[in-house]
């Protein structure tokens, strides 16, 4: 269940955990994870659109 909570935080659907570690490197890591998750969602949407248009 922790993975889904973390993804919700990345997509701004949930408030961040106040008890999580707060360092500069962790902020960078979360930023990179947020970017990669957004790109993955965009790629999935593009694939779905291509499949729908082709059919």
Protein backbone atom coordinates (compact mmCIF):
# COMPACT_ATOMS: atom_id res chain seq x y z
CA UNK A 1 0.00 0.00 0.00
CA UNK A 2 2.98 2.31 0.50
CA UNK A 3 3.68 2.45 -3.24
CA UNK A 4 0.18 3.72 -4.01
CA UNK A 5 0.44 6.37 -1.29
CA UNK A 6 3.79 7.53 -2.70
CA UNK A 7 2.36 7.74 -6.23
CA UNK A 8 -0.57 9.77 -4.92
CA UNK A 9 1.89 12.19 -3.32
CA UNK A 10 3.84 12.48 -6.60
CA UNK A 11 0.65 13.30 -8.51
CA UNK A 12 -0.39 15.85 -5.86
CA UNK A 13 -3.48 13.78 -4.97
CA UNK A 14 -2.40 13.45 -1.35
CA UNK A 15 -0.51 15.59 1.18
CA UNK A 16 3.12 14.56 1.74
CA UNK A 17 3.97 12.56 4.83
CA UNK A 18 5.30 14.99 7.49
CA UNK A 19 7.51 12.24 9.01
CA UNK A 20 9.46 11.44 5.84
CA UNK A 21 13.19 12.30 5.73
CA UNK A 22 13.85 15.84 4.58
CA UNK A 23 17.18 16.26 2.81
CA UNK A 24 18.17 17.85 -0.48
CA UNK A 25 18.96 14.48 -2.11
CA UNK A 26 15.59 13.02 -1.16
CA UNK A 27 13.89 16.07 -2.72
CA UNK A 28 15.87 15.51 -5.93
CA UNK A 29 14.92 11.84 -5.95
CA UNK A 30 11.23 12.63 -5.47
CA UNK A 31 11.40 15.22 -8.25
CA UNK A 32 12.94 12.75 -10.68
CA UNK A 33 10.39 10.11 -9.72
CA UNK A 34 7.58 12.62 -10.27
CA UNK A 35 8.89 13.46 -13.77
CA UNK A 36 9.27 9.80 -14.76
CA UNK A 37 5.79 8.95 -13.50
CA UNK A 38 4.25 11.83 -15.47
CA UNK A 39 6.10 10.77 -18.65
CA UNK A 40 4.92 7.18 -18.16
CA UNK A 41 1.30 8.31 -17.83
CA UNK A 42 1.61 10.48 -20.96
CA UNK A 43 3.10 7.55 -22.90
CA UNK A 44 0.26 5.24 -21.82
CA UNK A 45 -2.32 7.85 -22.88
CA UNK A 46 -0.61 8.18 -26.30
CA UNK A 47 -0.61 4.40 -26.76
CA UNK A 48 -4.29 4.18 -25.86
CA UNK A 49 -5.15 6.96 -28.32
CA UNK A 50 -3.18 5.21 -31.08
CA UNK A 51 -4.99 1.94 -30.42
CA UNK A 52 -8.40 3.62 -30.44
CA UNK A 53 -7.72 5.60 -33.63
CA UNK A 54 -6.32 2.57 -35.46
CA UNK A 55 -9.34 0.39 -34.66
